[in-house]
Amino acid sequence: MSSPHLIEVDNVSKRVQDATGELTILHDISFTLRAQESVAIVGASGSGKSTLLGILAGLDVPSSGAVRLRGQDLFQLDEDARAAVRGVELGFVFQSFQLLPNLTALENVMLPLELRGEREAKALATAMLGRVGLAGRLGHYPRVLSGGEQQRVALARAFVLRPALLLADEPTGSLDFATGAQVMELMFELNREAGTTLVLVTHDNAIAARCERQLRIEAGALAQS
């Protein structure tokens, strides 16, 4: 019988060595996410939020525990296999946008489609950029786009694959308040349209409150709500 959960996080811990010995970043984190659920991960700076997001993506490896996506433990896969899963199932939005500077807005959005072998990459990317209000900026490089425009390109790149899971790490952290509010409104709209499961790391209580559920990380542990 298949699990009703898209994501299962089971006793995940992350420990690293520093000059003073072993440091625990995350301690026995467990939770589940349903398909199409929106969840905010909140907590003070340095509490382990971004580390947890990296582990959910399979980009960082836990010291112990499991993360299962559709029942498959990501860390029973090698890095190539995890990368293949990311290319199909996951979208990412980062505070620093992470656009490739030598590619135009259109090329940045086409790239994940091309890596997946999508034959209609240009048409799909063009339509998605139009959806985020950048139909007139297809040929522009990131350096001539405003911060808000760059984050819209990043949203288009994330959603164009229609991923099962979108991971967003402080997506408005580099934007002014008004621009950030516009970008977040767009992100929630796109998320509803695509039926994506959203995991959002934020320090903004107003943004967190828009999610169905909040997970608070305190000193590397999941606080009881």
N, C-alpha and C. Protein backbone atom coordinates (compact mmCIF):
# COMPACT_ATOMS: atom_id res chain seq x y z
N MET A 1 0.85 -1.20 0.00
CA MET A 1 0.00 0.00 0.00
C MET A 1 0.89 1.24 0.00
N SER A 2 0.61 2.17 -0.91
CA SER A 2 1.45 3.36 -1.01
C SER A 2 1.14 4.33 0.12
N SER A 3 2.16 5.16 0.44
CA SER A 3 2.00 6.14 1.51
C SER A 3 1.12 7.29 1.03
N PRO A 4 0.29 7.86 1.94
CA PRO A 4 -0.51 9.03 1.56
C PRO A 4 0.33 10.31 1.52
N HIS A 5 1.58 10.22 1.90
CA HIS A 5 2.44 11.39 2.00
C HIS A 5 3.37 11.49 0.80
N LEU A 6 3.57 12.72 0.34
CA LEU A 6 4.56 12.95 -0.71
C LEU A 6 5.97 12.85 -0.14
N ILE A 7 6.16 13.45 1.04
CA ILE A 7 7.47 13.48 1.71
C ILE A 7 7.33 12.91 3.12
N GLU A 8 8.28 12.06 3.49
CA GLU A 8 8.39 11.59 4.87
C GLU A 8 9.81 11.84 5.35
N VAL A 9 9.94 12.64 6.39
CA VAL A 9 11.23 12.92 7.02
C VAL A 9 11.26 12.14 8.33
N ASP A 10 12.22 11.23 8.46
CA ASP A 10 12.23 10.27 9.55
C ASP A 10 13.53 10.36 10.35
N ASN A 11 13.46 11.02 11.53
CA ASN A 11 14.59 11.09 12.46
C ASN A 11 15.88 11.58 11.81
N VAL A 12 15.77 12.66 11.07
CA VAL A 12 16.93 13.22 10.38
C VAL A 12 17.78 14.04 11.35
N SER A 13 19.07 13.72 11.38
CA SER A 13 20.04 14.50 12.15
C SER A 13 21.20 14.88 11.24
N LYS A 14 21.82 16.00 11.54
CA LYS A 14 22.99 16.45 10.80
C LYS A 14 24.04 16.92 11.81
N ARG A 15 25.21 16.29 11.76
CA ARG A 15 26.31 16.63 12.65
C ARG A 15 27.54 16.92 11.80
N VAL A 16 28.31 17.93 12.21
CA VAL A 16 29.55 18.28 11.53
C VAL A 16 30.65 18.45 12.58
N GLN A 17 31.88 18.34 12.11
CA GLN A 17 33.03 18.56 12.98
C GLN A 17 33.54 19.98 12.81
N ASP A 18 33.81 20.66 13.93
CA ASP A 18 34.48 21.94 13.86
C ASP A 18 35.66 21.93 14.83
N ALA A 19 36.26 23.08 15.03
CA ALA A 19 37.48 23.13 15.84
C ALA A 19 37.26 22.71 17.28
N THR A 20 36.00 22.82 17.74
CA THR A 20 35.71 22.47 19.14
C THR A 20 35.19 21.05 19.30
N GLY A 21 35.04 20.34 18.17
CA GLY A 21 34.51 18.98 18.24
C GLY A 21 33.30 18.83 17.34
N GLU A 22 32.37 17.98 17.77
CA GLU A 22 31.18 17.71 16.96
C GLU A 22 30.07 18.72 17.25
N LEU A 23 29.49 19.27 16.19
CA LEU A 23 28.40 20.23 16.31
C LEU A 23 27.15 19.62 15.69
N THR A 24 26.06 19.60 16.44
CA THR A 24 24.78 19.09 15.92
C THR A 24 23.98 20.25 15.34
N ILE A 25 23.72 20.19 14.04
CA ILE A 25 22.94 21.23 13.36
C ILE A 25 21.46 20.88 13.38
N LEU A 26 21.13 19.61 13.15
CA LEU A 26 19.75 19.15 13.22
C LEU A 26 19.71 17.90 14.08
N HIS A 27 18.63 17.77 14.87
CA HIS A 27 18.55 16.66 15.82
C HIS A 27 17.19 15.98 15.71
N ASP A 28 17.18 14.77 15.17
CA ASP A 28 15.98 13.91 15.14
C ASP A 28 14.73 14.63 14.65
N ILE A 29 14.82 15.16 13.43
CA ILE A 29 13.68 15.86 12.82
C ILE A 29 12.79 14.84 12.12
N SER A 30 11.50 14.87 12.42
CA SER A 30 10.53 13.98 11.77
C SER A 30 9.26 14.76 11.45
N PHE A 31 8.78 14.64 10.21
CA PHE A 31 7.47 15.19 9.83
C PHE A 31 7.11 14.62 8.47
N THR A 32 5.86 14.81 8.08
CA THR A 32 5.40 14.37 6.76
C THR A 32 4.73 15.54 6.05
N LEU A 33 4.69 15.45 4.72
CA LEU A 33 4.03 16.45 3.90
C LEU A 33 3.10 15.76 2.92
N ARG A 34 1.87 16.24 2.84
CA ARG A 34 0.92 15.73 1.85
C ARG A 34 1.13 16.43 0.51
N ALA A 35 0.69 15.80 -0.53
CA ALA A 35 0.70 16.44 -1.84
C ALA A 35 -0.13 17.71 -1.79
N GLN A 36 0.37 18.78 -2.39
CA GLN A 36 -0.28 20.08 -2.52
C GLN A 36 -0.36 20.86 -1.21
N GLU A 37 0.33 20.41 -0.18
CA GLU A 37 0.36 21.13 1.09
C GLU A 37 1.38 22.26 1.02
N SER A 38 1.14 23.34 1.74
CA SER A 38 2.11 24.43 1.85
C SER A 38 2.57 24.54 3.29
N VAL A 39 3.89 24.53 3.48
CA VAL A 39 4.48 24.50 4.83
C VAL A 39 5.60 25.53 4.90
N ALA A 40 5.60 26.31 5.96
CA ALA A 40 6.68 27.26 6.22
C ALA A 40 7.58 26.69 7.31
N ILE A 41 8.89 26.73 7.06
CA ILE A 41 9.88 26.38 8.08
C ILE A 41 10.41 27.68 8.64
N VAL A 42 10.20 27.88 9.94
CA VAL A 42 10.56 29.15 10.57
C VAL A 42 11.51 28.88 11.74
N GLY A 43 12.17 29.95 12.18
CA GLY A 43 13.12 29.84 13.29
C GLY A 43 14.19 30.90 13.16
N ALA A 44 14.96 31.07 14.21
CA ALA A 44 16.01 32.08 14.24
C ALA A 44 17.12 31.74 13.25
N SER A 45 17.91 32.75 12.88
CA SER A 45 19.08 32.52 12.04
C SER A 45 20.00 31.53 12.73
N GLY A 46 20.51 30.58 11.96
CA GLY A 46 21.42 29.58 12.51
C GLY A 46 20.73 28.41 13.17
N SER A 47 19.39 28.33 13.08
CA SER A 47 18.66 27.24 13.74
C SER A 47 18.68 25.95 12.96
N GLY A 48 19.10 26.00 11.68
CA GLY A 48 19.17 24.80 10.86
C GLY A 48 18.15 24.73 9.74
N LYS A 49 17.41 25.82 9.51
CA LYS A 49 16.33 25.81 8.50
C LYS A 49 16.86 25.49 7.11
N SER A 50 17.89 26.21 6.66
CA SER A 50 18.40 26.01 5.31
C SER A 50 19.08 24.66 5.16
N THR A 51 19.71 24.19 6.23
CA THR A 51 20.30 22.84 6.19
C THR A 51 19.21 21.81 5.96
N LEU A 52 18.09 21.96 6.66
CA LEU A 52 16.97 21.03 6.48
C LEU A 52 16.45 21.09 5.05
N LEU A 53 16.34 22.27 4.49
CA LEU A 53 15.86 22.40 3.12
C LEU A 53 16.82 21.70 2.15
N GLY A 54 18.14 21.86 2.37
CA GLY A 54 19.11 21.19 1.52
C GLY A 54 19.01 19.68 1.60
N ILE A 55 18.70 19.15 2.78
CA ILE A 55 18.53 17.70 2.94
C ILE A 55 17.25 17.25 2.24
N LEU A 56 16.17 18.03 2.34
CA LEU A 56 14.94 17.68 1.62
C LEU A 56 15.18 17.57 0.12
N ALA A 57 16.09 18.41 -0.37
CA ALA A 57 16.40 18.41 -1.80
C ALA A 57 17.37 17.31 -2.19
N GLY A 58 17.95 16.64 -1.20
CA GLY A 58 18.98 15.65 -1.52
C GLY A 58 20.31 16.28 -1.89
N LEU A 59 20.45 17.59 -1.63
CA LEU A 59 21.70 18.29 -1.93
C LEU A 59 22.71 18.13 -0.79
N ASP A 60 22.20 18.02 0.42
CA ASP A 60 23.01 17.79 1.61
C ASP A 60 22.61 16.42 2.17
N VAL A 61 23.56 15.70 2.74
CA VAL A 61 23.33 14.33 3.21
C VAL A 61 23.23 14.33 4.74
N PRO A 62 22.18 13.76 5.30
CA PRO A 62 22.06 13.73 6.76
C PRO A 62 23.08 12.76 7.36
N SER A 63 23.41 12.99 8.62
CA SER A 63 24.28 12.06 9.35
C SER A 63 23.53 10.79 9.70
N SER A 64 22.23 10.91 9.93
CA SER A 64 21.38 9.74 10.19
C SER A 64 19.95 10.11 9.83
N GLY A 65 19.12 9.09 9.66
CA GLY A 65 17.74 9.32 9.31
C GLY A 65 17.47 9.15 7.83
N ALA A 66 16.23 9.31 7.44
CA ALA A 66 15.81 9.08 6.06
C ALA A 66 14.88 10.19 5.59
N VAL A 67 14.93 10.48 4.29
CA VAL A 67 13.96 11.35 3.63
C VAL A 67 13.39 10.55 2.47
N ARG A 68 12.10 10.27 2.52
CA ARG A 68 11.46 9.48 1.47
C ARG A 68 10.56 10.38 0.62
N LEU A 69 10.77 10.36 -0.68
CA LEU A 69 9.95 11.07 -1.66
C LEU A 69 9.17 10.03 -2.44
N ARG A 70 7.85 10.06 -2.31
CA ARG A 70 6.98 9.03 -2.89
C ARG A 70 7.43 7.64 -2.46
N GLY A 71 7.89 7.52 -1.22
CA GLY A 71 8.28 6.23 -0.68
C GLY A 71 9.71 5.83 -0.94
N GLN A 72 10.43 6.56 -1.78
CA GLN A 72 11.82 6.25 -2.10
C GLN A 72 12.76 7.04 -1.21
N ASP A 73 13.61 6.34 -0.45
CA ASP A 73 14.59 7.01 0.39
C ASP A 73 15.66 7.64 -0.50
N LEU A 74 15.74 8.97 -0.49
CA LEU A 74 16.69 9.67 -1.35
C LEU A 74 18.13 9.26 -1.08
N PHE A 75 18.42 8.89 0.16
CA PHE A 75 19.80 8.63 0.52
C PHE A 75 20.18 7.16 0.41
N GLN A 76 19.28 6.38 -0.17
CA GLN A 76 19.64 5.06 -0.67
C GLN A 76 20.04 5.14 -2.14
N LEU A 77 19.94 6.32 -2.72
CA LEU A 77 20.34 6.56 -4.11
C LEU A 77 21.72 7.21 -4.12
N ASP A 78 22.48 7.00 -5.20
CA ASP A 78 23.74 7.73 -5.34
C ASP A 78 23.46 9.14 -5.84
N GLU A 79 24.48 9.98 -5.90
CA GLU A 79 24.27 11.39 -6.23
C GLU A 79 23.68 11.56 -7.63
N ASP A 80 24.11 10.75 -8.58
CA ASP A 80 23.56 10.85 -9.95
C ASP A 80 22.07 10.55 -9.95
N ALA A 81 21.68 9.53 -9.19
CA ALA A 81 20.26 9.17 -9.14
C ALA A 81 19.45 10.24 -8.42
N ARG A 82 20.02 10.82 -7.35
CA ARG A 82 19.33 11.92 -6.67
C ARG A 82 19.17 13.12 -7.60
N ALA A 83 20.20 13.40 -8.39
CA ALA A 83 20.12 14.51 -9.35
C ALA A 83 19.02 14.25 -10.37
N ALA A 84 18.87 13.01 -10.79
CA ALA A 84 17.82 12.67 -11.74
C ALA A 84 16.44 12.88 -11.12
N VAL A 85 16.29 12.54 -9.85
CA VAL A 85 15.02 12.78 -9.15
C VAL A 85 14.74 14.28 -9.07
N ARG A 86 15.77 15.06 -8.72
CA ARG A 86 15.58 16.52 -8.64
C ARG A 86 15.13 17.08 -9.98
N GLY A 87 15.68 16.57 -11.06
CA GLY A 87 15.35 17.09 -12.38
C GLY A 87 13.90 16.87 -12.77
N VAL A 88 13.26 15.89 -12.16
CA VAL A 88 11.87 15.57 -12.47
C VAL A 88 10.90 16.12 -11.42
N GLU A 89 11.26 15.99 -10.15
CA GLU A 89 10.30 16.19 -9.06
C GLU A 89 10.39 17.54 -8.36
N LEU A 90 11.57 18.21 -8.43
CA LEU A 90 11.81 19.36 -7.55
C LEU A 90 12.02 20.65 -8.34
N GLY A 91 11.52 21.75 -7.75
CA GLY A 91 11.84 23.09 -8.21
C GLY A 91 12.44 23.87 -7.06
N PHE A 92 13.28 24.87 -7.38
CA PHE A 92 13.98 25.63 -6.35
C PHE A 92 13.84 27.12 -6.60
N VAL A 93 13.67 27.88 -5.52
CA VAL A 93 13.73 29.34 -5.58
C VAL A 93 14.61 29.80 -4.42
N PHE A 94 15.64 30.58 -4.72
CA PHE A 94 16.62 30.99 -3.72
C PHE A 94 16.59 32.49 -3.51
N GLN A 95 17.08 32.90 -2.35
CA GLN A 95 17.19 34.33 -2.05
C GLN A 95 18.06 35.05 -3.08
N SER A 96 19.12 34.39 -3.52
CA SER A 96 20.09 35.03 -4.44
C SER A 96 19.80 34.72 -5.91
N PHE A 97 18.60 34.21 -6.19
CA PHE A 97 18.07 33.98 -7.54
C PHE A 97 18.74 32.81 -8.26
N GLN A 98 20.09 32.72 -8.22
CA GLN A 98 20.83 31.61 -8.83
C GLN A 98 20.57 31.49 -10.33
N LEU A 99 20.44 32.63 -11.01
CA LEU A 99 20.34 32.61 -12.46
C LEU A 99 21.74 32.52 -13.06
N LEU A 100 21.85 31.90 -14.23
CA LEU A 100 23.14 31.83 -14.92
C LEU A 100 23.35 33.14 -15.67
N PRO A 101 24.41 33.89 -15.35
CA PRO A 101 24.55 35.25 -15.88
C PRO A 101 24.79 35.32 -17.38
N ASN A 102 25.30 34.25 -17.96
CA ASN A 102 25.60 34.27 -19.39
C ASN A 102 24.43 33.78 -20.24
N LEU A 103 23.29 33.52 -19.60
CA LEU A 103 22.09 33.11 -20.32
C LEU A 103 21.02 34.18 -20.17
N THR A 104 20.23 34.37 -21.23
CA THR A 104 19.10 35.30 -21.17
C THR A 104 18.01 34.73 -20.26
N ALA A 105 17.02 35.57 -19.97
CA ALA A 105 15.89 35.09 -19.18
C ALA A 105 15.26 33.86 -19.81
N LEU A 106 15.04 33.90 -21.11
CA LEU A 106 14.44 32.76 -21.81
C LEU A 106 15.34 31.53 -21.71
N GLU A 107 16.62 31.70 -21.91
CA GLU A 107 17.55 30.56 -21.85
C GLU A 107 17.64 29.97 -20.45
N ASN A 108 17.56 30.83 -19.42
CA ASN A 108 17.57 30.33 -18.05
C ASN A 108 16.36 29.44 -17.77
N VAL A 109 15.21 29.82 -18.29
CA VAL A 109 14.01 29.03 -18.06
C VAL A 109 13.96 27.79 -18.95
N MET A 110 14.55 27.89 -20.14
CA MET A 110 14.60 26.74 -21.03
C MET A 110 15.54 25.65 -20.52
N LEU A 111 16.57 26.03 -19.78
CA LEU A 111 17.64 25.10 -19.42
C LEU A 111 17.13 23.82 -18.74
N PRO A 112 16.33 23.90 -17.66
CA PRO A 112 15.89 22.64 -17.04
C PRO A 112 15.02 21.80 -17.97
N LEU A 113 14.27 22.44 -18.85
CA LEU A 113 13.47 21.70 -19.83
C LEU A 113 14.38 20.96 -20.81
N GLU A 114 15.43 21.64 -21.27
CA GLU A 114 16.36 21.02 -22.21
C GLU A 114 17.10 19.86 -21.55
N LEU A 115 17.47 20.04 -20.27
CA LEU A 115 18.16 18.96 -19.57
C LEU A 115 17.26 17.73 -19.43
N ARG A 116 15.96 17.95 -19.40
CA ARG A 116 15.01 16.85 -19.31
C ARG A 116 14.65 16.28 -20.68
N GLY A 117 15.16 16.93 -21.74
CA GLY A 117 14.88 16.43 -23.09
C GLY A 117 13.57 16.89 -23.67
N GLU A 118 13.02 18.00 -23.14
CA GLU A 118 11.74 18.52 -23.60
C GLU A 118 11.89 19.17 -24.98
N ARG A 119 11.16 18.68 -25.95
CA ARG A 119 11.28 19.18 -27.33
C ARG A 119 10.66 20.56 -27.51
N GLU A 120 9.69 20.89 -26.67
CA GLU A 120 9.00 22.19 -26.79
C GLU A 120 9.53 23.18 -25.75
N ALA A 121 10.81 23.09 -25.44
CA ALA A 121 11.38 23.90 -24.35
C ALA A 121 11.17 25.39 -24.59
N LYS A 122 11.42 25.86 -25.80
CA LYS A 122 11.32 27.31 -26.05
C LYS A 122 9.89 27.79 -25.89
N ALA A 123 8.93 27.06 -26.43
CA ALA A 123 7.54 27.48 -26.34
C ALA A 123 7.05 27.46 -24.88
N LEU A 124 7.41 26.42 -24.14
CA LEU A 124 6.99 26.32 -22.75
C LEU A 124 7.62 27.41 -21.90
N ALA A 125 8.91 27.69 -22.12
CA ALA A 125 9.60 28.72 -21.36
C ALA A 125 9.05 30.10 -21.69
N THR A 126 8.75 30.35 -22.96
CA THR A 126 8.19 31.64 -23.39
C THR A 126 6.84 31.87 -22.72
N ALA A 127 6.00 30.84 -22.71
CA ALA A 127 4.68 30.95 -22.09
C ALA A 127 4.80 31.19 -20.59
N MET A 128 5.74 30.52 -19.94
CA MET A 128 5.89 30.67 -18.50
C MET A 128 6.39 32.06 -18.15
N LEU A 129 7.30 32.60 -18.93
CA LEU A 129 7.78 33.97 -18.68
C LEU A 129 6.66 34.98 -18.90
N GLY A 130 5.80 34.71 -19.86
CA GLY A 130 4.63 35.55 -20.05
C GLY A 130 3.72 35.51 -18.83
N ARG A 131 3.57 34.31 -18.26
CA ARG A 131 2.71 34.16 -17.08
C ARG A 131 3.21 34.97 -15.89
N VAL A 132 4.54 35.13 -15.76
CA VAL A 132 5.09 35.89 -14.63
C VAL A 132 5.32 37.36 -14.99
N GLY A 133 4.78 37.78 -16.15
CA GLY A 133 4.82 39.20 -16.51
C GLY A 133 6.09 39.67 -17.18
N LEU A 134 6.84 38.74 -17.79
CA LEU A 134 8.12 39.12 -18.40
C LEU A 134 8.17 38.81 -19.89
N ALA A 135 7.03 38.88 -20.54
CA ALA A 135 6.99 38.59 -21.98
C ALA A 135 7.89 39.54 -22.77
N GLY A 136 8.08 40.75 -22.26
CA GLY A 136 8.92 41.72 -22.96
C GLY A 136 10.38 41.67 -22.58
N ARG A 137 10.78 40.70 -21.74
CA ARG A 137 12.16 40.65 -21.24
C ARG A 137 12.87 39.34 -21.58
N LEU A 138 12.36 38.62 -22.57
CA LEU A 138 12.89 37.28 -22.87
C LEU A 138 14.38 37.29 -23.20
N GLY A 139 14.82 38.31 -23.94
CA GLY A 139 16.20 38.33 -24.39
C GLY A 139 17.15 39.07 -23.47
N HIS A 140 16.67 39.48 -22.30
CA HIS A 140 17.52 40.24 -21.39
C HIS A 140 18.33 39.31 -20.49
N TYR A 141 19.56 39.73 -20.22
CA TYR A 141 20.43 38.98 -19.31
C TYR A 141 20.17 39.42 -17.87
N PRO A 142 20.46 38.55 -16.89
CA PRO A 142 20.18 38.89 -15.50
C PRO A 142 20.73 40.23 -15.05
N ARG A 143 21.90 40.63 -15.56
CA ARG A 143 22.53 41.87 -15.08
C ARG A 143 21.72 43.12 -15.40
N VAL A 144 20.83 43.05 -16.38
CA VAL A 144 20.02 44.22 -16.73
C VAL A 144 18.58 44.09 -16.20
N LEU A 145 18.31 43.04 -15.44
CA LEU A 145 16.99 42.87 -14.83
C LEU A 145 17.04 43.34 -13.38
N SER A 146 15.94 43.90 -12.90
CA SER A 146 15.85 44.28 -11.49
C SER A 146 15.81 43.02 -10.62
N GLY A 147 15.97 43.20 -9.31
CA GLY A 147 15.88 42.05 -8.41
C GLY A 147 14.55 41.35 -8.51
N GLY A 148 13.47 42.12 -8.57
CA GLY A 148 12.15 41.51 -8.69
C GLY A 148 11.98 40.75 -9.99
N GLU A 149 12.52 41.30 -11.07
CA GLU A 149 12.45 40.61 -12.36
C GLU A 149 13.28 39.32 -12.33
N GLN A 150 14.45 39.38 -11.71
CA GLN A 150 15.27 38.17 -11.62
C GLN A 150 14.55 37.08 -10.82
N GLN A 151 13.87 37.47 -9.74
CA GLN A 151 13.16 36.46 -8.96
C GLN A 151 11.96 35.92 -9.73
N ARG A 152 11.36 36.73 -10.59
CA ARG A 152 10.27 36.23 -11.44
C ARG A 152 10.81 35.21 -12.45
N VAL A 153 11.99 35.48 -13.00
CA VAL A 153 12.62 34.49 -13.88
C VAL A 153 12.86 33.19 -13.11
N ALA A 154 13.35 33.31 -11.86
CA ALA A 154 13.60 32.14 -11.04
C ALA A 154 12.30 31.37 -10.77
N LEU A 155 11.20 32.09 -10.54
CA LEU A 155 9.91 31.42 -10.34
C LEU A 155 9.49 30.69 -11.62
N ALA A 156 9.66 31.35 -12.76
CA ALA A 156 9.31 30.71 -14.03
C ALA A 156 10.13 29.46 -14.24
N ARG A 157 11.43 29.52 -13.95
CA ARG A 157 12.30 28.36 -14.11
C ARG A 157 11.87 27.23 -13.18
N ALA A 158 11.47 27.57 -11.95
CA ALA A 158 11.06 26.55 -10.99
C ALA A 158 9.75 25.88 -11.38
N PHE A 159 8.79 26.66 -11.84
CA PHE A 159 7.45 26.12 -12.09
C PHE A 159 7.28 25.54 -13.49
N VAL A 160 8.20 25.86 -14.41
CA VAL A 160 8.00 25.41 -15.80
C VAL A 160 8.03 23.89 -15.90
N LEU A 161 8.70 23.22 -14.97
CA LEU A 161 8.74 21.76 -14.96
C LEU A 161 7.52 21.14 -14.27
N ARG A 162 6.68 21.98 -13.71
CA ARG A 162 5.52 21.52 -12.94
C ARG A 162 5.97 20.48 -11.91
N PRO A 163 6.87 20.87 -11.00
CA PRO A 163 7.42 19.91 -10.05
C PRO A 163 6.41 19.50 -9.00
N ALA A 164 6.61 18.31 -8.43
CA ALA A 164 5.76 17.87 -7.33
C ALA A 164 6.04 18.67 -6.07
N LEU A 165 7.31 19.11 -5.91
CA LEU A 165 7.75 19.77 -4.69
C LEU A 165 8.55 21.01 -5.05
N LEU A 166 8.17 22.15 -4.49
CA LEU A 166 8.91 23.39 -4.65
C LEU A 166 9.55 23.76 -3.32
N LEU A 167 10.84 23.99 -3.34
CA LEU A 167 11.59 24.40 -2.16
C LEU A 167 12.04 25.84 -2.35
N ALA A 168 11.68 26.71 -1.40
CA ALA A 168 12.01 28.13 -1.51
C ALA A 168 12.75 28.57 -0.25
N ASP A 169 13.95 29.12 -0.42
CA ASP A 169 14.78 29.53 0.71
C ASP A 169 14.86 31.05 0.77
N GLU A 170 14.11 31.66 1.69
CA GLU A 170 14.07 33.12 1.86
C GLU A 170 13.92 33.83 0.50
N PRO A 171 12.86 33.50 -0.26
CA PRO A 171 12.76 34.00 -1.63
C PRO A 171 12.63 35.51 -1.76
N THR A 172 12.25 36.20 -0.68
CA THR A 172 12.14 37.67 -0.76
C THR A 172 13.26 38.37 0.00
N GLY A 173 14.25 37.61 0.47
CA GLY A 173 15.29 38.18 1.31
C GLY A 173 16.14 39.24 0.66
N SER A 174 16.23 39.22 -0.68
CA SER A 174 17.04 40.21 -1.40
C SER A 174 16.20 41.33 -2.01
N LEU A 175 14.91 41.37 -1.69
CA LEU A 175 13.99 42.31 -2.33
C LEU A 175 13.44 43.31 -1.32
N ASP A 176 13.08 44.50 -1.82
CA ASP A 176 12.42 45.46 -0.94
C ASP A 176 11.01 44.96 -0.63
N PHE A 177 10.37 45.59 0.35
CA PHE A 177 9.10 45.07 0.87
C PHE A 177 8.03 44.96 -0.22
N ALA A 178 7.85 46.03 -0.99
CA ALA A 178 6.78 46.03 -1.99
C ALA A 178 7.03 45.00 -3.08
N THR A 179 8.27 44.93 -3.56
CA THR A 179 8.61 43.95 -4.59
C THR A 179 8.48 42.54 -4.05
N GLY A 180 8.94 42.33 -2.81
CA GLY A 180 8.83 41.02 -2.19
C GLY A 180 7.39 40.57 -2.06
N ALA A 181 6.51 41.49 -1.70
CA ALA A 181 5.09 41.15 -1.56
C ALA A 181 4.50 40.73 -2.90
N GLN A 182 4.89 41.43 -3.97
CA GLN A 182 4.40 41.07 -5.30
C GLN A 182 4.90 39.69 -5.72
N VAL A 183 6.18 39.42 -5.46
CA VAL A 183 6.76 38.14 -5.82
C VAL A 183 6.10 37.00 -5.05
N MET A 184 5.84 37.22 -3.75
CA MET A 184 5.21 36.17 -2.95
C MET A 184 3.78 35.91 -3.42
N GLU A 185 3.05 36.98 -3.77
CA GLU A 185 1.69 36.79 -4.29
C GLU A 185 1.73 35.93 -5.55
N LEU A 186 2.69 36.22 -6.42
CA LEU A 186 2.83 35.45 -7.65
C LEU A 186 3.19 34.00 -7.33
N MET A 187 4.10 33.79 -6.39
CA MET A 187 4.51 32.43 -6.06
C MET A 187 3.35 31.60 -5.55
N PHE A 188 2.53 32.18 -4.66
CA PHE A 188 1.38 31.44 -4.15
C PHE A 188 0.36 31.18 -5.26
N GLU A 189 0.18 32.13 -6.17
CA GLU A 189 -0.73 31.91 -7.32
C GLU A 189 -0.25 30.75 -8.17
N LEU A 190 1.05 30.77 -8.53
CA LEU A 190 1.60 29.71 -9.36
C LEU A 190 1.51 28.37 -8.65
N ASN A 191 1.73 28.38 -7.35
CA ASN A 191 1.67 27.14 -6.59
C ASN A 191 0.27 26.53 -6.62
N ARG A 192 -0.74 27.39 -6.47
CA ARG A 192 -2.12 26.89 -6.54
C ARG A 192 -2.43 26.35 -7.93
N GLU A 193 -2.01 27.07 -8.96
CA GLU A 193 -2.28 26.64 -10.33
C GLU A 193 -1.64 25.30 -10.64
N ALA A 194 -0.42 25.10 -10.16
CA ALA A 194 0.34 23.90 -10.49
C ALA A 194 0.03 22.74 -9.55
N GLY A 195 -0.62 23.00 -8.42
CA GLY A 195 -0.89 21.94 -7.45
C GLY A 195 0.38 21.37 -6.84
N THR A 196 1.36 22.24 -6.60
CA THR A 196 2.66 21.83 -6.09
C THR A 196 2.66 21.82 -4.57
N THR A 197 3.45 20.92 -3.98
CA THR A 197 3.72 20.98 -2.55
C THR A 197 4.82 22.01 -2.33
N LEU A 198 4.57 22.95 -1.42
CA LEU A 198 5.49 24.06 -1.20
C LEU A 198 6.11 23.96 0.19
N VAL A 199 7.45 24.02 0.23
CA VAL A 199 8.17 24.13 1.50
C VAL A 199 8.97 25.41 1.43
N LEU A 200 8.68 26.32 2.35
CA LEU A 200 9.20 27.67 2.30
C LEU A 200 9.95 27.99 3.58
N VAL A 201 11.23 28.34 3.46
CA VAL A 201 11.99 28.83 4.61
C VAL A 201 11.87 30.35 4.63
N THR A 202 11.43 30.90 5.75
CA THR A 202 11.28 32.35 5.84
C THR A 202 11.41 32.82 7.28
N HIS A 203 11.85 34.07 7.44
CA HIS A 203 11.84 34.71 8.76
C HIS A 203 10.68 35.69 8.85
N ASP A 204 9.87 35.78 7.79
CA ASP A 204 8.77 36.74 7.71
C ASP A 204 7.49 36.07 8.21
N ASN A 205 6.98 36.50 9.35
CA ASN A 205 5.80 35.87 9.94
C ASN A 205 4.57 36.00 9.05
N ALA A 206 4.45 37.11 8.33
CA ALA A 206 3.29 37.30 7.46
C ALA A 206 3.30 36.29 6.31
N ILE A 207 4.49 36.03 5.76
CA ILE A 207 4.60 35.03 4.69
C ILE A 207 4.31 33.64 5.26
N ALA A 208 4.90 33.34 6.41
CA ALA A 208 4.69 32.02 7.02
C ALA A 208 3.21 31.77 7.29
N ALA A 209 2.50 32.82 7.70
CA ALA A 209 1.09 32.67 8.05
C ALA A 209 0.23 32.32 6.85
N ARG A 210 0.72 32.57 5.64
CA ARG A 210 -0.04 32.23 4.44
C ARG A 210 0.03 30.75 4.11
N CYS A 211 0.96 30.05 4.71
CA CYS A 211 1.08 28.61 4.50
C CYS A 211 0.09 27.87 5.40
N GLU A 212 -0.27 26.66 5.01
CA GLU A 212 -1.24 25.88 5.78
C GLU A 212 -0.69 25.47 7.13
N ARG A 213 0.63 25.31 7.21
CA ARG A 213 1.23 24.79 8.43
C ARG A 213 2.61 25.42 8.60
N GLN A 214 3.04 25.54 9.85
CA GLN A 214 4.37 26.05 10.15
C GLN A 214 5.13 25.03 10.98
N LEU A 215 6.39 24.83 10.63
CA LEU A 215 7.30 23.99 11.40
C LEU A 215 8.39 24.90 11.96
N ARG A 216 8.50 24.95 13.27
CA ARG A 216 9.49 25.82 13.90
C ARG A 216 10.70 25.01 14.34
N ILE A 217 11.87 25.46 13.88
CA ILE A 217 13.13 24.83 14.27
C ILE A 217 13.78 25.70 15.34
N GLU A 218 14.06 25.09 16.47
CA GLU A 218 14.73 25.78 17.58
C GLU A 218 15.96 24.98 17.96
N ALA A 219 17.15 25.60 17.79
CA ALA A 219 18.43 24.96 18.14
C ALA A 219 18.54 23.58 17.50
N GLY A 220 18.11 23.48 16.24
CA GLY A 220 18.27 22.24 15.49
C GLY A 220 17.19 21.19 15.72
N ALA A 221 16.24 21.47 16.58
CA ALA A 221 15.17 20.51 16.86
C ALA A 221 13.82 21.10 16.45
N LEU A 222 12.90 20.20 16.15
CA LEU A 222 11.55 20.63 15.76
C LEU A 222 10.75 20.94 17.03
N ALA A 223 10.33 22.19 17.18
CA ALA A 223 9.58 22.61 18.36
C ALA A 223 8.17 22.05 18.29
N GLN A 224 7.63 21.70 19.42
CA GLN A 224 6.26 21.20 19.48
C GLN A 224 5.29 22.36 19.37
N SER A 225 4.33 22.24 18.49
CA SER A 225 3.35 23.31 18.29
C SER A 225 2.18 23.16 19.26
